[in-house]
Protein backbone atom coordinates (compact mmCIF):
# COMPACT_ATOMS: atom_id res chain seq x y z
CA MET A 1 0.13 -0.47 -0.18
CA PRO A 2 1.71 3.76 -0.67
CA LEU A 3 2.79 5.51 1.56
CA LEU A 4 2.31 9.45 1.29
CA LEU A 5 4.45 11.99 3.22
CA VAL A 6 2.14 14.51 5.44
CA ALA A 7 4.10 17.92 5.64
CA TYR A 8 2.20 20.78 7.64
CA ASP A 9 3.40 23.80 8.73
CA PRO A 10 1.80 25.28 11.57
CA ASP A 11 1.58 29.75 11.01
CA ASN A 12 0.89 29.78 14.63
CA ILE A 13 1.91 27.42 16.56
CA GLU A 14 0.32 28.81 20.13
CA GLN A 15 -3.22 27.66 17.97
CA ASP A 16 -4.75 24.28 18.48
CA HIS A 17 -4.02 21.66 15.73
CA SER A 18 -5.29 18.64 17.45
CA LYS A 19 -8.13 18.77 14.40
CA LEU A 20 -5.52 18.28 11.85
CA LEU A 21 -3.45 15.71 13.65
CA ASP A 22 -6.36 13.76 14.75
CA ARG A 23 -7.51 13.32 11.11
CA ILE A 24 -4.12 12.57 9.93
CA GLU A 25 -3.38 10.05 12.87
CA ILE A 26 -6.34 7.76 11.74
CA TYR A 27 -4.34 6.64 9.04
CA SER A 28 -1.39 3.76 9.75
CA HIS A 29 1.14 6.33 10.30
CA VAL A 30 4.83 7.41 12.23
CA ARG A 31 6.19 10.51 12.92
CA LEU A 32 9.26 11.74 11.26
CA THR A 33 9.31 14.85 12.90
CA ARG A 34 7.31 17.48 14.46
CA HIS A 35 5.62 18.20 12.08
CA SER A 36 5.70 15.72 9.86
CA TYR A 37 3.66 12.13 9.53
CA ALA A 38 4.57 9.08 7.09
CA ILE A 39 0.67 7.84 6.22
CA ILE A 40 -0.44 4.57 4.89
CA THR A 41 -3.34 4.50 2.30
CA ASP A 42 -4.72 4.16 -1.08
CA LYS A 43 -5.87 7.68 -1.11
CA THR A 44 -4.08 10.00 -3.55
CA PRO A 45 -2.45 12.76 -2.48
CA GLU A 46 -4.59 15.13 -3.96
CA THR A 47 -8.16 13.63 -1.60
CA VAL A 48 -5.67 13.83 1.74
CA CYS A 49 -4.57 17.05 1.30
CA GLY A 50 -8.14 17.95 0.58
CA GLU A 51 -9.33 16.14 4.06
CA LEU A 52 -6.94 18.14 5.43
CA ASN A 53 -7.38 21.69 4.19
CA LYS A 54 -10.54 21.73 6.24
CA TYR A 55 -8.38 21.73 9.39
CA LEU A 56 -5.51 24.36 7.90
CA GLU A 57 -6.02 27.41 9.72
CA LYS A 58 -5.71 30.71 7.67
CA ASN A 59 -2.23 31.00 7.11
CA ASP A 60 -1.16 26.93 7.40
CA ASN A 61 0.34 25.15 4.99
CA VAL A 62 0.00 21.75 4.28
CA TYR A 63 1.57 18.88 1.16
CA VAL A 64 0.80 14.84 0.56
CA ILE A 65 3.55 13.73 -1.21
CA THR A 66 4.41 10.16 -2.49
CA LEU A 67 7.53 8.36 0.01
CA LYS A 68 9.16 5.97 -2.52
CA ARG A 69 12.64 4.39 -1.42
CA PRO A 70 15.90 5.04 -2.08
CA TYR A 71 14.85 6.87 1.00
CA ASP A 72 17.31 7.88 4.02
CA GLY A 73 16.73 9.02 7.77
CA CYS A 74 18.70 9.21 10.64
CA LYS A 75 17.01 8.07 14.50
CA PRO A 76 14.70 7.21 15.25
CA SER A 77 15.43 3.37 15.33
CA LEU A 78 11.73 2.80 15.62
CA THR A 79 11.30 5.48 13.02
CA ASN A 80 13.29 4.03 10.20
CA ASP A 81 12.52 0.17 11.09
CA TRP A 82 8.58 0.99 10.28
CA LEU A 83 9.88 2.58 7.35
CA TYR A 84 11.80 -0.20 6.46
CA LYS A 85 8.91 -2.79 7.01
CA GLU A 86 6.11 -0.12 5.27
CA LEU A 87 8.61 1.56 1.91
CA THR A 88 8.23 -0.02 -1.32
CA TYR A 89 10.15 0.55 -3.86
């Protein structure tokens, strides 16, 4: 099943983004960085972006990108193990 990178950039980190995070976390996922996740879904990047756009504040940004091997990451090992298991060529 395809993996997508979901990267969001909140304009104001003080705002409540829990609805956005809840929506991202309905998918099987791993958190890559503070504001990025890898998710497993059959949905297109356009579909996922449209779903998430409903939860963005006025000046927030979100990008949804298809992930494929090769890739590389440094730490944490649980994240790297998850990606190795789930990510295809």
